[in-house]
Amino acid sequence: MQNQIADALATMASMMDGPKKDEAQPIVVGQKEELASCMSIEENEGMDREGEWYSNILQYLKDKTYPKSTNKNDQLTIRRLSNNHIICGERLYIRSFNRIHLLCVTAKEA
């Protein structure tokens, strides 16, 4: 662990310009208790597919309709985002940059 901290400090020092004056500025480094990769997605049991992030796009692709609360700007955004999405069966997929279709999943599925 001490070597990792020393390596991180050496990397940060090599990316910084030298001090303009004769004095060096201190660098404060903090250590977290948990790793960033251990952060989890909170599950919301009450949320179904209608409340997911892609529900507006899915509704537009199926019915060509918008939610009632959207304005013209929101409708334009939904239309633009739907260009990169397709429906296969009942599932929504997004086309990646290399044209591979990626499944859109809910927070619980993720």
PDB file of N, CA and C in Angstrom:
ATOM      1  N   MET A   1       0.826  -1.189   0.000  1.00  0.00           N
ATOM      2  CA  MET A   1       0.000   0.000   0.000  1.00  0.00           C
ATOM      3  C   MET A   1       0.870   1.253   0.000  1.00  0.00           C
ATOM      4  N   GLN A   2       1.967   1.244   0.754  1.00  0.00           N
ATOM      5  CA  GLN A   2       2.844   2.413   0.802  1.00  0.00           C
ATOM      6  C   GLN A   2       3.505   2.660  -0.551  1.00  0.00           C
ATOM      7  N   ASN A   3       3.816   1.599  -1.284  1.00  0.00           N
ATOM      8  CA  ASN A   3       4.399   1.760  -2.614  1.00  0.00           C
ATOM      9  C   ASN A   3       3.390   2.371  -3.577  1.00  0.00           C
ATOM     10  N   GLN A   4       2.111   2.018  -3.444  1.00  0.00           N
ATOM     11  CA  GLN A   4       1.087   2.577  -4.323  1.00  0.00           C
ATOM     12  C   GLN A   4       0.955   4.079  -4.097  1.00  0.00           C
ATOM     13  N   ILE A   5       1.014   4.498  -2.838  1.00  0.00           N
ATOM     14  CA  ILE A   5       0.923   5.927  -2.538  1.00  0.00           C
ATOM     15  C   ILE A   5       2.148   6.646  -3.087  1.00  0.00           C
ATOM     16  N   ALA A   6       3.306   6.067  -2.913  1.00  0.00           N
ATOM     17  CA  ALA A   6       4.528   6.681  -3.438  1.00  0.00           C
ATOM     18  C   ALA A   6       4.489   6.767  -4.956  1.00  0.00           C
ATOM     19  N   ASP A   7       3.999   5.726  -5.619  1.00  0.00           N
ATOM     20  CA  ASP A   7       3.875   5.743  -7.080  1.00  0.00           C
ATOM     21  C   ASP A   7       2.902   6.826  -7.533  1.00  0.00           C
ATOM     22  N   ALA A   8       1.785   6.966  -6.815  1.00  0.00           N
ATOM     23  CA  ALA A   8       0.796   7.985  -7.170  1.00  0.00           C
ATOM     24  C   ALA A   8       1.380   9.385  -7.000  1.00  0.00           C
ATOM     25  N   LEU A   9       2.123   9.615  -5.936  1.00  0.00           N
ATOM     26  CA  LEU A   9       2.754  10.918  -5.720  1.00  0.00           C
ATOM     27  C   LEU A   9       3.797  11.208  -6.794  1.00  0.00           C
ATOM     28  N   ALA A  10       4.569  10.203  -7.173  1.00  0.00           N
ATOM     29  CA  ALA A  10       5.574  10.387  -8.218  1.00  0.00           C
ATOM     30  C   ALA A  10       4.917  10.704  -9.555  1.00  0.00           C
ATOM     31  N   THR A  11       3.800  10.037  -9.848  1.00  0.00           N
ATOM     32  CA  THR A  11       3.081  10.304 -11.094  1.00  0.00           C
ATOM     33  C   THR A  11       2.527  11.717 -11.106  1.00  0.00           C
ATOM     34  N   MET A  12       1.912  12.121  -9.985  1.00  0.00           N
ATOM     35  CA  MET A  12       1.373  13.485  -9.905  1.00  0.00           C
ATOM     36  C   MET A  12       2.480  14.526 -10.002  1.00  0.00           C
ATOM     37  N   ALA A  13       3.618  14.278  -9.379  1.00  0.00           N
ATOM     38  CA  ALA A  13       4.727  15.233  -9.411  1.00  0.00           C
ATOM     39  C   ALA A  13       5.298  15.363 -10.813  1.00  0.00           C
ATOM     40  N   SER A  14       5.315  14.275 -11.573  1.00  0.00           N
ATOM     41  CA  SER A  14       5.862  14.338 -12.930  1.00  0.00           C
ATOM     42  C   SER A  14       4.936  15.084 -13.889  1.00  0.00           C
ATOM     43  N   MET A  15       3.649  15.179 -13.561  1.00  0.00           N
ATOM     44  CA  MET A  15       2.700  15.877 -14.420  1.00  0.00           C
ATOM     45  C   MET A  15       2.633  17.365 -14.119  1.00  0.00           C
ATOM     46  N   MET A  16       3.189  17.807 -13.008  1.00  0.00           N
ATOM     47  CA  MET A  16       3.088  19.205 -12.596  1.00  0.00           C
ATOM     48  C   MET A  16       4.314  19.977 -13.048  1.00  0.00           C
ATOM     49  N   ASP A  17       4.106  21.261 -13.311  1.00  0.00           N
ATOM     50  CA  ASP A  17       5.232  22.141 -13.590  1.00  0.00           C
ATOM     51  C   ASP A  17       5.976  22.412 -12.295  1.00  0.00           C
ATOM     52  N   GLY A  18       7.241  22.762 -12.413  1.00  0.00           N
ATOM     53  CA  GLY A  18       8.034  23.076 -11.242  1.00  0.00           C
ATOM     54  C   GLY A  18       7.569  24.366 -10.600  1.00  0.00           C
ATOM     55  N   PRO A  19       7.963  24.586  -9.354  1.00  0.00           N
ATOM     56  CA  PRO A  19       7.544  25.816  -8.668  1.00  0.00           C
ATOM     57  C   PRO A  19       8.144  27.037  -9.352  1.00  0.00           C
ATOM     58  N   LYS A  20       7.390  28.122  -9.395  1.00  0.00           N
ATOM     59  CA  LYS A  20       7.846  29.360 -10.028  1.00  0.00           C
ATOM     60  C   LYS A  20       8.850  30.086  -9.139  1.00  0.00           C
ATOM     61  N   LYS A  21       8.702  29.905  -7.839  1.00  0.00           N
ATOM     62  CA  LYS A  21       9.593  30.554  -6.885  1.00  0.00           C
ATOM     63  C   LYS A  21      10.496  29.493  -6.269  1.00  0.00           C
ATOM     64  N   ASP A  22      11.200  29.877  -5.230  1.00  0.00           N
ATOM     65  CA  ASP A  22      12.086  28.941  -4.539  1.00  0.00           C
ATOM     66  C   ASP A  22      11.354  28.066  -3.549  1.00  0.00           C
ATOM     67  N   GLU A  23      10.058  28.298  -3.356  1.00  0.00           N
ATOM     68  CA  GLU A  23       9.325  27.494  -2.375  1.00  0.00           C
ATOM     69  C   GLU A  23       8.407  26.492  -3.078  1.00  0.00           C
ATOM     70  N   ALA A  24       8.261  25.345  -2.496  1.00  0.00           N
ATOM     71  CA  ALA A  24       7.396  24.291  -3.051  1.00  0.00           C
ATOM     72  C   ALA A  24       6.032  24.350  -2.374  1.00  0.00           C
ATOM     73  N   GLN A  25       4.987  24.128  -3.155  1.00  0.00           N
ATOM     74  CA  GLN A  25       3.639  24.123  -2.613  1.00  0.00           C
ATOM     75  C   GLN A  25       3.318  22.714  -2.105  1.00  0.00           C
ATOM     76  N   PRO A  26       2.734  22.593  -0.920  1.00  0.00           N
ATOM     77  CA  PRO A  26       2.414  21.253  -0.401  1.00  0.00           C
ATOM     78  C   PRO A  26       1.252  20.626  -1.185  1.00  0.00           C
ATOM     79  N   ILE A  27       1.294  19.318  -1.319  1.00  0.00           N
ATOM     80  CA  ILE A  27       0.230  18.544  -1.956  1.00  0.00           C
ATOM     81  C   ILE A  27      -0.456  17.735  -0.871  1.00  0.00           C
ATOM     82  N   VAL A  28      -1.771  17.894  -0.741  1.00  0.00           N
ATOM     83  CA  VAL A  28      -2.534  17.167   0.260  1.00  0.00           C
ATOM     84  C   VAL A  28      -3.181  15.968  -0.419  1.00  0.00           C
ATOM     85  N   VAL A  29      -2.912  14.785   0.102  1.00  0.00           N
ATOM     86  CA  VAL A  29      -3.453  13.549  -0.453  1.00  0.00           C
ATOM     87  C   VAL A  29      -4.303  12.882   0.616  1.00  0.00           C
ATOM     88  N   GLY A  30      -5.547  12.572   0.266  1.00  0.00           N
ATOM     89  CA  GLY A  30      -6.427  11.878   1.195  1.00  0.00           C
ATOM     90  C   GLY A  30      -6.645  10.441   0.756  1.00  0.00           C
ATOM     91  N   GLN A  31      -6.946   9.597   1.693  1.00  0.00           N
ATOM     92  CA  GLN A  31      -7.182   8.192   1.394  1.00  0.00           C
ATOM     93  C   GLN A  31      -8.607   7.838   1.782  1.00  0.00           C
ATOM     94  N   LYS A  32      -9.337   7.259   0.854  1.00  0.00           N
ATOM     95  CA  LYS A  32     -10.717   6.848   1.100  1.00  0.00           C
ATOM     96  C   LYS A  32     -10.729   5.478   1.777  1.00  0.00           C
ATOM     97  N   GLU A  33     -11.774   5.230   2.545  1.00  0.00           N
ATOM     98  CA  GLU A  33     -11.905   3.946   3.216  1.00  0.00           C
ATOM     99  C   GLU A  33     -12.341   2.851   2.260  1.00  0.00           C
ATOM    100  N   GLU A  34     -13.196   3.219   1.278  1.00  0.00           N
ATOM    101  CA  GLU A  34     -13.684   2.240   0.306  1.00  0.00           C
ATOM    102  C   GLU A  34     -13.099   2.532  -1.058  1.00  0.00           C
ATOM    103  N   LEU A  35     -12.901   1.494  -1.848  1.00  0.00           N
ATOM    104  CA  LEU A  35     -12.470   1.677  -3.218  1.00  0.00           C
ATOM    105  C   LEU A  35     -13.615   2.243  -4.050  1.00  0.00           C
ATOM    106  N   ALA A  36     -13.282   3.010  -5.072  1.00  0.00           N
ATOM    107  CA  ALA A  36     -14.317   3.585  -5.930  1.00  0.00           C
ATOM    108  C   ALA A  36     -15.100   2.493  -6.647  1.00  0.00           C
ATOM    109  N   SER A  37     -14.455   1.372  -6.939  1.00  0.00           N
ATOM    110  CA  SER A  37     -15.141   0.283  -7.632  1.00  0.00           C
ATOM    111  C   SER A  37     -16.145  -0.431  -6.737  1.00  0.00           C
ATOM    112  N   CYS A  38     -16.124  -0.149  -5.438  1.00  0.00           N
ATOM    113  CA  CYS A  38     -17.054  -0.799  -4.524  1.00  0.00           C
ATOM    114  C   CYS A  38     -18.358  -0.036  -4.378  1.00  0.00           C
ATOM    115  N   MET A  39     -18.444   1.126  -5.010  1.00  0.00           N
ATOM    116  CA  MET A  39     -19.684   1.888  -4.931  1.00  0.00           C
ATOM    117  C   MET A  39     -20.771   1.106  -5.656  1.00  0.00           C
ATOM    118  N   SER A  40     -21.957   1.068  -5.103  1.00  0.00           N
ATOM    119  CA  SER A  40     -23.024   0.255  -5.683  1.00  0.00           C
ATOM    120  C   SER A  40     -24.174   1.117  -6.147  1.00  0.00           C
ATOM    121  N   ILE A  41     -24.968   0.567  -7.013  1.00  0.00           N
ATOM    122  CA  ILE A  41     -26.176   1.225  -7.492  1.00  0.00           C
ATOM    123  C   ILE A  41     -27.285   0.921  -6.499  1.00  0.00           C
ATOM    124  N   GLU A  42     -27.943   1.975  -6.053  1.00  0.00           N
ATOM    125  CA  GLU A  42     -29.050   1.771  -5.134  1.00  0.00           C
ATOM    126  C   GLU A  42     -30.245   1.237  -5.905  1.00  0.00           C
ATOM    127  N   GLU A  43     -30.835   0.192  -5.384  1.00  0.00           N
ATOM    128  CA  GLU A  43     -32.000  -0.382  -6.044  1.00  0.00           C
ATOM    129  C   GLU A  43     -33.254   0.315  -5.563  1.00  0.00           C
ATOM    130  N   ASN A  44     -34.113   0.620  -6.480  1.00  0.00           N
ATOM    131  CA  ASN A  44     -35.388   1.235  -6.159  1.00  0.00           C
ATOM    132  C   ASN A  44     -36.456   0.216  -6.514  1.00  0.00           C
ATOM    133  N   GLU A  45     -36.980  -0.457  -5.516  1.00  0.00           N
ATOM    134  CA  GLU A  45     -37.925  -1.543  -5.742  1.00  0.00           C
ATOM    135  C   GLU A  45     -39.215  -1.080  -6.396  1.00  0.00           C
ATOM    136  N   GLY A  46     -39.632   0.156  -6.142  1.00  0.00           N
ATOM    137  CA  GLY A  46     -40.885   0.647  -6.688  1.00  0.00           C
ATOM    138  C   GLY A  46     -40.794   1.079  -8.139  1.00  0.00           C
ATOM    139  N   MET A  47     -39.606   1.108  -8.698  1.00  0.00           N
ATOM    140  CA  MET A  47     -39.446   1.609 -10.053  1.00  0.00           C
ATOM    141  C   MET A  47     -39.548   0.463 -11.059  1.00  0.00           C
ATOM    142  N   ASP A  48     -40.458   0.589 -11.999  1.00  0.00           N
ATOM    143  CA  ASP A  48     -40.570  -0.399 -13.052  1.00  0.00           C
ATOM    144  C   ASP A  48     -40.018   0.205 -14.336  1.00  0.00           C
ATOM    145  N   ARG A  49     -40.238  -0.457 -15.447  1.00  0.00           N
ATOM    146  CA  ARG A  49     -39.677   0.029 -16.699  1.00  0.00           C
ATOM    147  C   ARG A  49     -40.233   1.371 -17.119  1.00  0.00           C
ATOM    148  N   GLU A  50     -41.417   1.719 -16.665  1.00  0.00           N
ATOM    149  CA  GLU A  50     -42.002   3.000 -17.050  1.00  0.00           C
ATOM    150  C   GLU A  50     -41.227   4.163 -16.438  1.00  0.00           C
ATOM    151  N   GLY A  51     -40.543   3.929 -15.333  1.00  0.00           N
ATOM    152  CA  GLY A  51     -39.811   4.999 -14.671  1.00  0.00           C
ATOM    153  C   GLY A  51     -38.331   5.008 -14.993  1.00  0.00           C
ATOM    154  N   GLU A  52     -37.902   4.196 -15.902  1.00  0.00           N
ATOM    155  CA  GLU A  52     -36.485   4.111 -16.216  1.00  0.00           C
ATOM    156  C   GLU A  52     -36.049   5.255 -17.115  1.00  0.00           C
ATOM    157  N   TRP A  53     -34.742   5.413 -17.259  1.00  0.00           N
ATOM    158  CA  TRP A  53     -34.164   6.509 -18.016  1.00  0.00           C
ATOM    159  C   TRP A  53     -34.524   6.448 -19.490  1.00  0.00           C
ATOM    160  N   TYR A  54     -34.799   5.270 -20.008  1.00  0.00           N
ATOM    161  CA  TYR A  54     -35.050   5.140 -21.441  1.00  0.00           C
ATOM    162  C   TYR A  54     -36.537   5.033 -21.777  1.00  0.00           C
ATOM    163  N   SER A  55     -37.407   5.237 -20.818  1.00  0.00           N
ATOM    164  CA  SER A  55     -38.841   5.027 -21.061  1.00  0.00           C
ATOM    165  C   SER A  55     -39.399   6.003 -22.094  1.00  0.00           C
ATOM    166  N   ASN A  56     -38.928   7.243 -22.117  1.00  0.00           N
ATOM    167  CA  ASN A  56     -39.414   8.205 -23.109  1.00  0.00           C
ATOM    168  C   ASN A  56     -39.003   7.809 -24.520  1.00  0.00           C
ATOM    169  N   ILE A  57     -37.782   7.310 -24.671  1.00  0.00           N
ATOM    170  CA  ILE A  57     -37.302   6.869 -25.986  1.00  0.00           C
ATOM    171  C   ILE A  57     -38.092   5.651 -26.441  1.00  0.00           C
ATOM    172  N   LEU A  58     -38.324   4.717 -25.538  1.00  0.00           N
ATOM    173  CA  LEU A  58     -39.076   3.512 -25.863  1.00  0.00           C
ATOM    174  C   LEU A  58     -40.506   3.858 -26.271  1.00  0.00           C
ATOM    175  N   GLN A  59     -41.136   4.769 -25.545  1.00  0.00           N
ATOM    176  CA  GLN A  59     -42.494   5.188 -25.884  1.00  0.00           C
ATOM    177  C   GLN A  59     -42.532   5.851 -27.258  1.00  0.00           C
ATOM    178  N   TYR A  60     -41.543   6.685 -27.564  1.00  0.00           N
ATOM    179  CA  TYR A  60     -41.517   7.358 -28.853  1.00  0.00           C
ATOM    180  C   TYR A  60     -41.325   6.358 -29.997  1.00  0.00           C
ATOM    181  N   LEU A  61     -40.436   5.399 -29.811  1.00  0.00           N
ATOM    182  CA  LEU A  61     -40.200   4.421 -30.878  1.00  0.00           C
ATOM    183  C   LEU A  61     -41.405   3.510 -31.101  1.00  0.00           C
ATOM    184  N   LYS A  62     -42.131   3.184 -30.038  1.00  0.00           N
ATOM    185  CA  LYS A  62     -43.301   2.313 -30.179  1.00  0.00           C
ATOM    186  C   LYS A  62     -44.493   3.050 -30.771  1.00  0.00           C
ATOM    187  N   ASP A  63     -44.841   4.200 -30.200  1.00  0.00           N
ATOM    188  CA  ASP A  63     -46.098   4.878 -30.526  1.00  0.00           C
ATOM    189  C   ASP A  63     -45.928   6.191 -31.272  1.00  0.00           C
ATOM    190  N   LYS A  64     -44.694   6.702 -31.368  1.00  0.00           N
ATOM    191  CA  LYS A  64     -44.441   8.048 -31.907  1.00  0.00           C
ATOM    192  C   LYS A  64     -45.169   9.117 -31.098  1.00  0.00           C
ATOM    193  N   THR A  65     -45.272   8.901 -29.778  1.00  0.00           N
ATOM    194  CA  THR A  65     -45.893   9.874 -28.880  1.00  0.00           C
ATOM    195  C   THR A  65     -44.884  10.282 -27.813  1.00  0.00           C
ATOM    196  N   TYR A  66     -45.141  11.428 -27.188  1.00  0.00           N
ATOM    197  CA  TYR A  66     -44.281  11.957 -26.141  1.00  0.00           C
ATOM    198  C   TYR A  66     -45.044  11.955 -24.823  1.00  0.00           C
ATOM    199  N   PRO A  67     -44.336  11.946 -23.707  1.00  0.00           N
ATOM    200  CA  PRO A  67     -45.023  12.121 -22.419  1.00  0.00           C
ATOM    201  C   PRO A  67     -45.706  13.487 -22.374  1.00  0.00           C
ATOM    202  N   LYS A  68     -46.749  13.602 -21.587  1.00  0.00           N
ATOM    203  CA  LYS A  68     -47.544  14.830 -21.544  1.00  0.00           C
ATOM    204  C   LYS A  68     -46.761  16.020 -21.006  1.00  0.00           C
ATOM    205  N   SER A  69     -45.796  15.789 -20.154  1.00  0.00           N
ATOM    206  CA  SER A  69     -45.086  16.890 -19.501  1.00  0.00           C
ATOM    207  C   SER A  69     -43.913  17.443 -20.312  1.00  0.00           C
ATOM    208  N   THR A  70     -43.725  16.994 -21.560  1.00  0.00           N
ATOM    209  CA  THR A  70     -42.572  17.449 -22.336  1.00  0.00           C
ATOM    210  C   THR A  70     -42.898  18.706 -23.129  1.00  0.00           C
ATOM    211  N   ASN A  71     -41.882  19.559 -23.272  1.00  0.00           N
ATOM    212  CA  ASN A  71     -42.016  20.738 -24.115  1.00  0.00           C
ATOM    213  C   ASN A  71     -41.353  20.459 -25.471  1.00  0.00           C
ATOM    214  N   LYS A  72     -41.307  21.436 -26.339  1.00  0.00           N
ATOM    215  CA  LYS A  72     -40.749  21.250 -27.692  1.00  0.00           C
ATOM    216  C   LYS A  72     -39.276  20.859 -27.646  1.00  0.00           C
ATOM    217  N   ASN A  73     -38.541  21.450 -26.730  1.00  0.00           N
ATOM    218  CA  ASN A  73     -37.117  21.133 -26.615  1.00  0.00           C
ATOM    219  C   ASN A  73     -36.909  19.682 -26.180  1.00  0.00           C
ATOM    220  N   ASP A  74     -37.712  19.223 -25.217  1.00  0.00           N
ATOM    221  CA  ASP A  74     -37.632  17.833 -24.764  1.00  0.00           C
ATOM    222  C   ASP A  74     -38.002  16.869 -25.886  1.00  0.00           C
ATOM    223  N   GLN A  75     -39.014  17.230 -26.667  1.00  0.00           N
ATOM    224  CA  GLN A  75     -39.445  16.381 -27.781  1.00  0.00           C
ATOM    225  C   GLN A  75     -38.341  16.261 -28.829  1.00  0.00           C
ATOM    226  N   LEU A  76     -37.659  17.360 -29.098  1.00  0.00           N
ATOM    227  CA  LEU A  76     -36.542  17.325 -30.041  1.00  0.00           C
ATOM    228  C   LEU A  76     -35.428  16.414 -29.534  1.00  0.00           C
ATOM    229  N   THR A  77     -35.150  16.498 -28.237  1.00  0.00           N
ATOM    230  CA  THR A  77     -34.110  15.650 -27.640  1.00  0.00           C
ATOM    231  C   THR A  77     -34.490  14.176 -27.721  1.00  0.00           C
ATOM    232  N   ILE A  78     -35.738  13.859 -27.445  1.00  0.00           N
ATOM    233  CA  ILE A  78     -36.198  12.465 -27.515  1.00  0.00           C
ATOM    234  C   ILE A  78     -36.083  11.947 -28.948  1.00  0.00           C
ATOM    235  N   ARG A  79     -36.492  12.760 -29.927  1.00  0.00           N
ATOM    236  CA  ARG A  79     -36.378  12.342 -31.336  1.00  0.00           C
ATOM    237  C   ARG A  79     -34.925  12.111 -31.720  1.00  0.00           C
ATOM    238  N   ARG A  80     -34.042  13.014 -31.299  1.00  0.00           N
ATOM    239  CA  ARG A  80     -32.626  12.888 -31.644  1.00  0.00           C
ATOM    240  C   ARG A  80     -32.006  11.653 -30.982  1.00  0.00           C
ATOM    241  N   LEU A  81     -32.336  11.403 -29.722  1.00  0.00           N
ATOM    242  CA  LEU A  81     -31.795  10.231 -29.034  1.00  0.00           C
ATOM    243  C   LEU A  81     -32.332   8.923 -29.612  1.00  0.00           C
ATOM    244  N   SER A  82     -33.565   8.949 -30.090  1.00  0.00           N
ATOM    245  CA  SER A  82     -34.168   7.717 -30.612  1.00  0.00           C
ATOM    246  C   SER A  82     -33.529   7.258 -31.913  1.00  0.00           C
ATOM    247  N   ASN A  83     -32.790   8.132 -32.589  1.00  0.00           N
ATOM    248  CA  ASN A  83     -32.127   7.738 -33.839  1.00  0.00           C
ATOM    249  C   ASN A  83     -31.099   6.642 -33.627  1.00  0.00           C
ATOM    250  N   ASN A  84     -30.516   6.565 -32.441  1.00  0.00           N
ATOM    251  CA  ASN A  84     -29.486   5.563 -32.155  1.00  0.00           C
ATOM    252  C   ASN A  84     -30.032   4.343 -31.423  1.00  0.00           C
ATOM    253  N   HIS A  85     -31.353   4.238 -31.295  1.00  0.00           N
ATOM    254  CA  HIS A  85     -31.967   3.129 -30.570  1.00  0.00           C
ATOM    255  C   HIS A  85     -32.847   2.311 -31.496  1.00  0.00           C
ATOM    256  N   ILE A  86     -32.962   1.022 -31.201  1.00  0.00           N
ATOM    257  CA  ILE A  86     -33.883   0.141 -31.920  1.00  0.00           C
ATOM    258  C   ILE A  86     -34.607  -0.741 -30.910  1.00  0.00           C
ATOM    259  N   ILE A  87     -35.763  -1.232 -31.316  1.00  0.00           N
ATOM    260  CA  ILE A  87     -36.519  -2.170 -30.485  1.00  0.00           C
ATOM    261  C   ILE A  87     -36.423  -3.535 -31.135  1.00  0.00           C
ATOM    262  N   CYS A  88     -36.033  -4.512 -30.356  1.00  0.00           N
ATOM    263  CA  CYS A  88     -35.987  -5.898 -30.819  1.00  0.00           C
ATOM    264  C   CYS A  88     -36.775  -6.717 -29.801  1.00  0.00           C
ATOM    265  N   GLY A  89     -37.887  -7.269 -30.230  1.00  0.00           N
ATOM    266  CA  GLY A  89     -38.794  -7.926 -29.289  1.00  0.00           C
ATOM    267  C   GLY A  89     -39.446  -6.848 -28.453  1.00  0.00           C
ATOM    268  N   GLU A  90     -39.317  -6.931 -27.159  1.00  0.00           N
ATOM    269  CA  GLU A  90     -39.830  -5.900 -26.257  1.00  0.00           C
ATOM    270  C   GLU A  90     -38.695  -5.125 -25.605  1.00  0.00           C
ATOM    271  N   ARG A  91     -37.455  -5.372 -26.016  1.00  0.00           N
ATOM    272  CA  ARG A  91     -36.292  -4.743 -25.383  1.00  0.00           C
ATOM    273  C   ARG A  91     -35.726  -3.642 -26.262  1.00  0.00           C
ATOM    274  N   LEU A  92     -35.152  -2.637 -25.615  1.00  0.00           N
ATOM    275  CA  LEU A  92     -34.564  -1.500 -26.298  1.00  0.00           C
ATOM    276  C   LEU A  92     -33.054  -1.683 -26.362  1.00  0.00           C
ATOM    277  N   TYR A  93     -32.491  -1.428 -27.526  1.00  0.00           N
ATOM    278  CA  TYR A  93     -31.048  -1.520 -27.740  1.00  0.00           C
ATOM    279  C   TYR A  93     -30.542  -0.192 -28.273  1.00  0.00           C
ATOM    280  N   ILE A  94     -29.285   0.125 -27.963  1.00  0.00           N
ATOM    281  CA  ILE A  94     -28.643   1.316 -28.500  1.00  0.00           C
ATOM    282  C   ILE A  94     -27.485   0.867 -29.384  1.00  0.00           C
ATOM    283  N   ARG A  95     -27.308   1.565 -30.501  1.00  0.00           N
ATOM    284  CA  ARG A  95     -26.192   1.260 -31.397  1.00  0.00           C
ATOM    285  C   ARG A  95     -24.954   1.976 -30.885  1.00  0.00           C
ATOM    286  N   SER A  96     -23.881   1.219 -30.668  1.00  0.00           N
ATOM    287  CA  SER A  96     -22.633   1.826 -30.212  1.00  0.00           C
ATOM    288  C   SER A  96     -21.901   2.427 -31.413  1.00  0.00           C
ATOM    289  N   PHE A  97     -20.755   3.043 -31.154  1.00  0.00           N
ATOM    290  CA  PHE A  97     -19.994   3.687 -32.222  1.00  0.00           C
ATOM    291  C   PHE A  97     -19.506   2.699 -33.267  1.00  0.00           C
ATOM    292  N   ASN A  98     -19.248   1.463 -32.860  1.00  0.00           N
ATOM    293  CA  ASN A  98     -18.807   0.457 -33.823  1.00  0.00           C
ATOM    294  C   ASN A  98     -19.974  -0.391 -34.334  1.00  0.00           C
ATOM    295  N   ARG A  99     -21.197   0.144 -34.183  1.00  0.00           N
ATOM    296  CA  ARG A  99     -22.427  -0.422 -34.730  1.00  0.00           C
ATOM    297  C   ARG A  99     -22.860  -1.717 -34.055  1.00  0.00           C
ATOM    298  N   ILE A 100     -22.378  -1.999 -32.864  1.00  0.00           N
ATOM    299  CA  ILE A 100     -22.827  -3.151 -32.091  1.00  0.00           C
ATOM    300  C   ILE A 100     -24.033  -2.716 -31.274  1.00  0.00           C
ATOM    301  N   HIS A 101     -25.057  -3.557 -31.191  1.00  0.00           N
ATOM    302  CA  HIS A 101     -26.253  -3.212 -30.426  1.00  0.00           C
ATOM    303  C   HIS A 101     -26.065  -3.615 -28.966  1.00  0.00           C
ATOM    304  N   LEU A 102     -26.244  -2.652 -28.076  1.00  0.00           N
ATOM    305  CA  LEU A 102     -26.094  -2.862 -26.636  1.00  0.00           C
ATOM    306  C   LEU A 102     -27.457  -2.772 -25.979  1.00  0.00           C
ATOM    307  N   LEU A 103     -27.769  -3.711 -25.105  1.00  0.00           N
ATOM    308  CA  LEU A 103     -29.054  -3.761 -24.424  1.00  0.00           C
ATOM    309  C   LEU A 103     -29.165  -2.661 -23.381  1.00  0.00           C
ATOM    310  N   CYS A 104     -30.258  -1.910 -23.398  1.00  0.00           N
ATOM    311  CA  CYS A 104     -30.534  -0.901 -22.373  1.00  0.00           C
ATOM    312  C   CYS A 104     -31.167  -1.627 -21.185  1.00  0.00           C
ATOM    313  N   VAL A 105     -30.589  -1.480 -20.014  1.00  0.00           N
ATOM    314  CA  VAL A 105     -31.061  -2.200 -18.844  1.00  0.00           C
ATOM    315  C   VAL A 105     -31.527  -1.230 -17.773  1.00  0.00           C
ATOM    316  N   THR A 106     -32.339  -1.740 -16.865  1.00  0.00           N
ATOM    317  CA  THR A 106     -32.808  -0.954 -15.730  1.00  0.00           C
ATOM    318  C   THR A 106     -31.699  -0.883 -14.682  1.00  0.00           C
ATOM    319  N   ALA A 107     -31.873  -0.019 -13.705  1.00  0.00           N
ATOM    320  CA  ALA A 107     -30.891   0.091 -12.628  1.00  0.00           C
ATOM    321  C   ALA A 107     -30.805  -1.220 -11.852  1.00  0.00           C
ATOM    322  N   LYS A 108     -31.935  -1.881 -11.672  1.00  0.00           N
ATOM    323  CA  LYS A 108     -31.945  -3.147 -10.942  1.00  0.00           C
ATOM    324  C   LYS A 108     -31.203  -4.230 -11.737  1.00  0.00           C
ATOM    325  N   GLU A 109     -31.421  -4.276 -13.059  1.00  0.00           N
ATOM    326  CA  GLU A 109     -30.726  -5.250 -13.893  1.00  0.00           C
ATOM    327  C   GLU A 109     -29.226  -5.008 -13.939  1.00  0.00           C
ATOM    328  N   ALA A 110     -28.830  -3.724 -13.877  1.00  0.00           N
ATOM    329  CA  ALA A 110     -27.406  -3.392 -13.911  1.00  0.00           C
ATOM    330  C   ALA A 110     -26.740  -3.883 -12.632  1.00  0.00           C
TER     331      ALA A 110
END
